[in-house]
Protein backbone atom coordinates (compact mmCIF):
# COMPACT_ATOMS: atom_id res chain seq x y z
CA MET A 1 0.00 0.00 0.00
CA ARG A 2 1.19 3.52 -0.79
CA CYS A 3 0.62 6.37 1.65
CA ILE A 4 0.54 8.96 -1.16
CA ASP A 5 -0.18 8.88 -4.89
CA TRP A 6 -1.68 10.74 -7.83
CA ASP A 7 -5.43 10.31 -8.26
CA ASP A 8 -6.80 11.69 -11.54
CA GLY A 9 -6.08 15.38 -11.01
CA ALA A 10 -5.55 15.31 -7.25
CA VAL A 11 -3.13 14.05 -4.60
CA ARG A 12 -4.47 11.16 -2.54
CA LEU A 13 -2.89 10.49 0.85
CA ILE A 14 -3.69 8.91 4.17
CA ASP A 15 -4.23 11.45 6.96
CA GLN A 16 -1.64 10.40 9.52
CA THR A 17 -3.12 12.69 12.17
CA ARG A 18 -6.26 10.52 12.29
CA LEU A 19 -4.46 7.25 12.96
CA PRO A 20 -4.84 4.86 14.68
CA ALA A 21 -8.47 5.71 15.41
CA ALA A 22 -9.47 5.91 11.75
CA ALA A 23 -7.84 5.36 8.35
CA VAL A 24 -8.99 8.50 6.54
CA TRP A 25 -7.86 9.11 2.96
CA LEU A 26 -7.73 12.70 1.71
CA ARG A 27 -8.09 13.82 -1.90
CA LEU A 28 -6.36 17.20 -2.24
CA SER A 29 -7.07 19.16 -5.40
CA THR A 30 -5.16 22.40 -4.71
CA VAL A 31 -1.56 23.21 -3.84
CA ASP A 32 -2.75 25.23 -0.83
CA ASP A 33 -4.53 22.17 0.53
CA LEU A 34 -1.41 20.04 0.05
CA VAL A 35 0.80 22.64 1.76
CA ALA A 36 -1.63 22.73 4.70
CA ALA A 37 -1.56 18.93 4.91
CA ILE A 38 2.25 18.96 4.98
CA ARG A 39 2.35 21.59 7.71
CA ARG A 40 -0.12 19.83 9.97
CA LEU A 41 1.66 16.48 9.42
CA ALA A 42 -1.19 14.76 7.64
CA VAL A 43 1.65 13.65 5.36
CA ARG A 44 5.11 13.32 6.88
CA GLY A 45 8.26 11.23 6.62
CA ALA A 46 11.18 12.08 4.36
CA PRO A 47 10.39 9.86 1.32
CA ALA A 48 6.67 10.70 1.49
CA LEU A 49 7.51 14.41 1.61
CA GLY A 50 9.71 14.05 -1.46
CA ALA A 51 6.74 12.52 -3.27
CA ALA A 52 4.46 15.25 -1.94
CA GLY A 53 6.78 17.99 -3.19
CA ALA A 54 6.88 16.56 -6.70
CA LEU A 55 3.15 15.86 -6.74
CA GLY A 56 2.51 19.44 -5.63
CA VAL A 57 4.36 20.76 -8.68
CA ALA A 58 2.41 18.32 -10.86
CA LEU A 59 -0.82 19.52 -9.27
CA ALA A 60 0.04 23.14 -10.02
CA GLY A 61 0.77 22.20 -13.62
CA HIS A 62 -2.50 20.31 -13.90
CA ARG A 63 -4.37 23.39 -12.69
CA GLY A 64 -2.49 25.74 -14.98
CA GLU A 65 -0.88 27.60 -12.07
CA ASP A 66 2.58 29.13 -11.92
CA LEU A 67 5.02 26.35 -11.08
CA GLY A 68 7.57 28.63 -9.44
CA THR A 69 5.02 30.07 -7.02
CA ALA A 70 3.74 26.61 -6.10
CA ALA A 71 7.30 25.34 -5.68
CA ALA A 72 8.20 28.13 -3.25
CA ALA A 73 5.14 27.44 -1.11
CA LEU A 74 5.79 23.71 -1.03
CA ARG A 75 9.49 24.06 -0.24
CA ALA A 76 8.80 26.40 2.69
CA ALA A 77 6.18 24.15 4.29
CA ARG A 78 8.80 22.24 6.34
CA PRO A 79 12.44 23.38 6.30
CA THR A 80 14.36 20.47 7.84
CA ALA A 81 13.34 17.58 5.58
CA VAL A 82 15.55 17.91 2.52
CA ASN A 83 13.42 15.47 0.52
CA LEU A 84 10.57 17.97 0.22
CA GLY A 85 12.66 20.48 -1.72
CA TRP A 86 14.41 17.65 -3.57
CA GLY A 87 11.08 16.38 -4.90
CA VAL A 88 9.98 19.89 -5.84
CA ASP A 89 13.23 20.56 -7.69
CA ARG A 90 13.12 17.28 -9.62
CA ALA A 91 9.62 17.96 -10.88
CA LEU A 92 10.53 21.55 -11.78
CA ARG A 93 13.61 20.48 -13.73
CA ALA A 94 11.60 17.87 -15.63
CA ALA A 95 8.95 20.44 -16.50
CA GLY A 96 11.53 22.97 -17.63
CA ALA A 97 13.41 20.49 -19.77
CA ALA A 98 10.34 19.07 -21.46
CA ALA A 99 8.71 22.11 -23.03
CA GLY A 100 8.93 25.81 -23.71
CA PRO A 101 7.43 28.51 -21.48
CA GLY A 102 4.19 28.61 -23.48
CA ASP A 103 3.56 24.87 -23.44
CA ARG A 104 1.68 24.48 -20.17
CA ALA A 105 0.29 21.07 -21.03
CA GLY A 106 3.73 19.72 -21.86
CA ARG A 107 5.22 21.04 -18.64
CA ALA A 108 2.36 19.66 -16.59
CA ALA A 109 2.70 16.22 -18.17
CA ALA A 110 6.47 16.19 -17.58
CA ALA A 111 6.08 17.21 -13.92
CA LEU A 112 3.51 14.47 -13.36
CA ALA A 113 5.69 11.87 -15.06
CA GLU A 114 8.61 12.84 -12.82
CA ALA A 115 6.43 12.76 -9.69
CA THR A 116 5.12 9.28 -10.46
CA ALA A 117 8.69 8.16 -11.19
CA ILE A 118 9.78 9.44 -7.77
CA ILE A 119 6.97 7.51 -6.09
CA ALA A 120 7.98 4.29 -7.83
CA GLU A 121 11.68 4.86 -7.09
CA GLU A 122 11.17 5.53 -3.39
CA ALA A 123 8.99 2.44 -3.07
CA ALA A 124 11.74 0.32 -4.63
CA ASN A 125 14.44 2.11 -2.63
CA CYS A 126 12.82 1.28 0.68
CA ARG A 127 12.71 -2.41 -0.16
CA ALA A 128 16.41 -2.27 -1.03
CA ILE A 129 17.14 -0.47 2.26
CA GLY A 130 15.22 -3.19 4.10
CA THR A 131 17.33 -5.92 2.54
CA ARG A 132 20.65 -4.11 2.98
CA GLY A 133 19.90 -3.15 6.58
CA ALA A 134 18.72 -6.63 7.51
CA ASP A 135 21.85 -8.15 6.01
CA LEU A 136 24.01 -5.69 7.96
CA LEU A 137 22.40 -6.60 11.28
CA VAL A 138 22.70 -10.32 10.59
CA ARG A 139 26.40 -9.89 9.82
CA ARG A 140 26.97 -7.91 13.00
CA LEU A 141 24.64 -9.69 15.42
CA GLY A 142 24.07 -13.14 13.96
CA ALA A 143 21.06 -14.83 12.39
CA ARG A 144 18.94 -14.87 15.54
CA PRO A 145 15.71 -13.20 16.65
CA LEU A 146 16.62 -9.62 17.54
CA ARG A 147 15.26 -7.08 20.00
CA LEU A 148 15.13 -3.75 18.20
CA LEU A 149 14.43 -0.20 19.37
CA THR A 150 13.14 2.53 17.07
CA HIS A 151 12.10 6.17 17.27
CA CYS A 152 9.33 8.09 15.48
CA ASN A 153 7.71 6.42 12.46
CA THR A 154 9.69 5.08 9.50
CA GLY A 155 7.30 2.60 7.91
CA TRP A 156 5.07 2.76 4.86
CA LEU A 157 3.08 5.62 6.35
CA GLY A 158 6.06 7.97 6.05
CA CYS A 159 7.94 6.32 3.21
CA VAL A 160 5.49 5.69 0.34
CA GLU A 161 5.82 1.92 0.77
CA TRP A 162 7.63 -0.57 3.01
CA GLY A 163 9.68 1.87 5.10
CA THR A 164 13.28 2.73 5.94
CA ALA A 165 14.21 1.79 9.52
CA LEU A 166 10.87 0.02 9.92
CA GLY A 167 11.43 -1.48 6.48
CA ILE A 168 14.49 -3.22 7.94
CA VAL A 169 12.27 -4.52 10.73
CA ARG A 170 9.73 -5.71 8.14
CA THR A 171 12.41 -7.56 6.18
CA LEU A 172 13.85 -9.17 9.32
CA HIS A 173 10.35 -10.16 10.41
CA GLN A 174 9.79 -11.92 7.08
CA ARG A 175 12.98 -13.89 7.80
CA GLY A 176 11.77 -14.83 11.28
CA LEU A 177 14.49 -12.72 12.92
CA VAL A 178 12.52 -10.28 15.10
CA ARG A 179 11.93 -11.12 18.73
CA ARG A 180 10.48 -7.79 19.83
CA VAL A 181 10.42 -4.13 18.80
CA TYR A 182 10.42 -1.28 21.29
CA ALA A 183 8.77 1.78 19.76
CA ASP A 184 9.52 5.08 21.46
CA GLU A 185 6.31 7.06 21.95
CA THR A 186 8.02 10.05 20.24
CA ARG A 187 6.65 13.08 21.98
CA PRO A 188 5.05 15.51 21.59
CA LEU A 189 2.90 14.16 18.73
CA LEU A 190 3.31 10.46 19.53
CA GLN A 191 4.24 9.19 16.09
CA GLY A 192 5.62 6.05 17.73
CA THR A 193 2.56 5.36 19.83
CA ARG A 194 0.07 6.20 17.10
CA LEU A 195 1.82 5.21 13.87
CA THR A 196 4.69 2.80 14.49
CA ALA A 197 2.67 0.67 16.90
CA TYR A 198 -0.14 0.65 14.31
CA GLU A 199 2.22 -0.63 11.63
CA LEU A 200 3.84 -3.21 13.89
CA ALA A 201 0.43 -4.55 14.85
CA GLU A 202 -0.48 -4.80 11.16
CA MET A 203 2.73 -6.78 10.57
CA GLY A 204 2.06 -9.09 13.50
CA VAL A 205 5.33 -8.11 15.19
CA GLU A 206 5.67 -8.45 18.96
CA HIS A 207 6.14 -4.90 20.23
CA ARG A 208 6.03 -2.58 23.21
CA VAL A 209 5.60 1.19 23.27
CA LEU A 210 8.17 2.99 25.43
CA ALA A 211 8.05 6.40 27.06
CA ASP A 212 10.87 8.33 25.41
CA SER A 213 12.56 8.75 28.78
CA ALA A 214 12.60 4.96 29.29
CA ALA A 215 14.57 4.09 26.15
CA ALA A 216 18.00 4.74 27.66
CA SER A 217 17.23 2.45 30.57
CA VAL A 218 16.15 -0.35 28.23
CA LEU A 219 19.47 -0.04 26.41
CA ALA A 220 21.47 0.19 29.64
CA ARG A 221 20.05 -3.05 30.99
CA GLY A 222 20.72 -4.91 27.73
CA GLY A 223 17.11 -4.98 26.60
CA ALA A 224 17.74 -4.17 22.92
CA ASP A 225 20.28 -5.48 20.43
CA ALA A 226 20.22 -2.52 18.03
CA VAL A 227 18.67 0.90 17.49
CA LEU A 228 17.15 1.70 14.09
CA VAL A 229 16.11 5.22 13.08
CA GLY A 230 15.38 7.16 9.93
CA ALA A 231 16.59 10.60 8.88
CA ASP A 232 15.16 13.84 7.56
CA ARG A 233 18.50 15.16 6.36
CA ILE A 234 22.03 13.73 6.38
CA ALA A 235 24.82 16.29 6.14
CA ALA A 236 27.94 15.77 4.03
CA ASN A 237 29.99 14.76 7.08
CA GLY A 238 27.44 12.16 8.22
CA ASP A 239 25.64 14.20 10.90
CA VAL A 240 22.00 13.13 10.97
CA ALA A 241 18.91 15.27 11.54
CA ASN A 242 15.96 13.22 12.74
CA LYS A 243 12.93 13.51 14.99
CA ILE A 244 13.64 15.21 18.32
CA GLY A 245 14.82 12.64 20.84
CA THR A 246 17.11 10.80 18.43
CA TYR A 247 20.34 12.37 19.74
CA PRO A 248 19.88 11.20 23.36
CA LEU A 249 18.99 7.75 22.03
CA ALA A 250 22.29 7.69 20.12
CA LEU A 251 24.17 8.69 23.27
CA ALA A 252 22.51 5.89 25.21
CA ALA A 253 23.26 3.37 22.48
CA ALA A 254 26.93 4.39 22.42
CA ARG A 255 27.17 4.03 26.20
CA ALA A 256 25.54 0.58 26.03
CA GLY A 257 27.69 -0.57 23.10
CA VAL A 258 24.61 -1.13 20.92
CA PRO A 259 24.70 -0.51 17.15
CA PHE A 260 22.94 2.72 16.13
CA VAL A 261 21.86 2.39 12.50
CA VAL A 262 20.36 5.16 10.36
CA ALA A 263 18.24 4.07 7.38
CA ALA A 264 17.39 6.58 4.65
CA PRO A 265 17.26 6.82 0.86
CA GLU A 266 20.02 8.57 -1.06
CA SER A 267 17.61 11.46 -1.59
CA THR A 268 17.99 12.31 2.11
CA VAL A 269 21.75 12.80 1.78
CA ASP A 270 22.44 16.51 1.33
CA ALA A 271 25.98 17.04 0.08
CA ALA A 272 25.32 20.80 -0.02
CA THR A 273 24.99 20.91 3.78
CA PRO A 274 28.49 20.51 5.27
CA THR A 275 27.60 19.55 8.86
CA GLY A 276 24.66 19.17 11.20
CA ALA A 277 25.22 22.72 12.43
CA ASP A 278 24.12 23.93 9.00
CA ILE A 279 20.80 22.07 9.01
CA PRO A 280 17.78 24.34 9.62
CA ILE A 281 15.71 23.02 12.52
CA GLU A 282 11.96 23.40 12.34
CA HIS A 283 10.33 24.83 15.46
CA ARG A 284 6.65 24.07 15.86
CA ASP A 285 3.77 25.57 17.81
CA ALA A 286 4.20 25.57 21.59
CA ALA A 287 0.61 24.33 21.86
CA GLU A 288 1.85 20.88 20.81
CA VAL A 289 3.75 20.74 24.10
CA THR A 290 1.81 22.76 26.63
CA VAL A 291 -1.41 24.67 27.20
CA ASP A 292 -0.65 27.56 29.55
CA ALA A 293 3.15 27.77 29.80
CA PRO A 294 5.64 29.01 27.21
CA ALA A 295 7.47 26.18 25.47
CA GLU A 296 10.35 25.46 23.14
CA ASN A 297 9.28 22.90 20.56
CA PRO A 298 12.04 21.89 18.11
CA ALA A 299 10.79 19.14 15.80
CA PHE A 300 14.25 17.68 15.11
CA ASP A 301 17.69 17.27 16.63
CA VAL A 302 21.08 16.45 15.13
CA THR A 303 23.06 13.32 15.96
CA PRO A 304 26.83 13.74 15.38
CA TYR A 305 28.32 11.32 12.90
CA ASP A 306 30.64 9.72 15.45
CA LEU A 307 27.64 8.26 17.29
CA VAL A 308 26.32 6.56 14.14
CA THR A 309 27.38 2.95 13.55
CA ALA A 310 26.25 2.87 9.92
CA ILE A 311 24.07 4.71 7.44
CA VAL A 312 22.13 2.40 5.14
CA THR A 313 20.73 3.65 1.83
CA GLU A 314 19.37 1.73 -1.13
CA ARG A 315 22.80 1.86 -2.79
CA ARG A 316 25.35 1.55 -0.02
CA THR A 317 26.16 0.91 3.60
CA ILE A 318 28.65 3.55 4.66
CA GLN A 319 30.70 4.72 7.56
CA PRO A 320 29.68 8.22 8.72
CA GLY A 321 31.75 11.20 7.69
CA THR A 322 32.55 9.88 4.19
CA ILE A 323 29.32 10.54 2.27
CA ALA A 324 30.51 13.39 0.07
CA ARG A 325 33.79 11.66 -0.74
CA THR A 326 32.73 8.03 -1.22
CA GLU A 327 31.44 6.62 -4.48
CA PRO A 328 28.35 4.39 -4.01
CA THR A 329 29.98 1.08 -4.79
CA GLU A 330 30.06 -2.23 -3.02
CA ARG A 331 33.53 -1.33 -1.72
CA THR A 332 31.88 1.04 0.79
CA GLN A 333 30.29 -1.83 2.70
CA PRO A 334 31.87 -2.59 6.09
């Protein structure tokens, strides 16, 4: 199942804010509606946002609207996830290369073709990430049922199909190699409690939801064999921006001697961003955290590359800090 797709002149996506109570599918026929859905997290997750960005450009073309104006609105909807702008830019380039300024129909068709190509690519990429990541863990930990800990949501709901970090879990589960998954609740919007637990239940995987503050203790007492997370942007040096709460999880994993594996498609690697310090961090409404008191509500944090055991993409398994300088060949595998 795909969490987002083109639907005869509109963008169709599952409203992640309504899960797990109800599986509500939205049909969005304007760019403004899609931007609003991105901002309120009805669609979220790096690969899904890449698809949304490209589909937004296609939607603007379908409606005969200015592609540049639509692109700017889409790109600004969420600043940290590099995939959103990546998808927008791919669709824009395709539209520009396909036809002249006066050929609106040609540009619209090219943007839509590129958007649907991105959707298909990201679906295939996630399956490749699942296989590569599962193989990595088997090499490191042995072919035995594993206890895994994850943060936020990285399954099909956020990744078009299959998933990144949760795609690795799905692949291991198909091999009979998952004993239990601990899903951090992922405050303040509970993507772990609401979305990851929902997906794990659908898979039939034994799982437990953890309070975010309990994850370090689980690792310290030897309760998990590996930590698997996704990424919203990976800097050129291997620093990783992901959902807030990922950095302390990496610290705890390092202290416990547990592998900390980041799973993300190549589209999440941003060679134009030198380090994590250069990644813009989205700050969201304080009302997500509190009612009456002032609050700081960063949506993401940055995990330094030296805390990351491996970064797994569809093309390579790499050591952090070498992304911009390493060709994606089999020689990069540890």
